[in-house]
Amino acid sequence: MGEYFLATDAVRYAAAALSDLGSKRPSNEDSFGLSAEHGVYLVCDGMGGAAAGEIASSLAVSEMLRLLLSRSASAPLEEVIAQAIFAANLAIHTRAEHNLELGGMGTTLVGIAVEGCRVLVFNVGDSRCYRLREGRLEQISLDHSLVEEQVRMGRMTHEEAQRSSMRNVITRALGTQPTVEPDIFELQAEQGDLFLLCSDGLTGEVSDAQIEALLAAPLPLDDLCATLVNAANQAGGHDNITCLLLRAEN
């Protein structure tokens, strides 16, 4: 945990992150990574038997950082993101194919890459990106989960999705298939925008309304991360909890 700063000619970003075991899990299969210098921020939530989930999430973070940090300044950022996701997916899938104990491992991915005021949000799976702007919380990413896809098609309400026994079934992940299709969203940052990247260890325990209220507190980013993690643990802490906060400042 700690605050990191990136200054550009258009906007200055501050970031903090925290990952917690939660109250029920024997190990932490979440991973996060960031480079303030390069404007890259990542959260992954691994899955698989034994230590496979932890391996998948850490491999995804390391591959994504390796490729995004070495990108050419002339290369379009969205193309580099897509290439990095392809490479991370292939690295996990290949590793699992060569080690039977890691068979079927995978990980979610949610990330942000910034170029001045330009913000690219990308995700695979159900780890989320939110933006708090002028006190209002909005989910930017779209969950690649069975129930959320049913909600978007009008076949299930949000309330039914929350109660569903299938709410943890995801429809896309890094590493489980030879290829994967990410979502990429482009935004323009405004002064005061606060972005949250998180695993479902937070959103499975704490409602959007509660997250919105907690993020409204005038606290340093480190303390806000701790507040979110504490809220998830107090609500049960059934999964690993990872939060990364990124604020656009003047």
Foldseek 3Di string as FASTA:
>chain_A
DDWDWADDPAWIKIKDKDWFFFDADPDALKDWDDDNPQQKTKIKAKDAPDNLSNVLRVLLRVQLCVQSVPDDPPDPNVVSNQVSLLVSLQVLQVVCVVDVRNAQMWMKMWMWGDDRQKIKIKIWAAWWKWKQDPLDIDTDDQHQFDLSVCVVVVNDPPVRLLVDPRVRHGDTTRHNDSGGDMDMDIDGDDAFMKMKTKDVLQCNQAPPVRLSVLVVDPDPNNVSNVVSSVSSNVSPRNGMIMMMMMGIHD
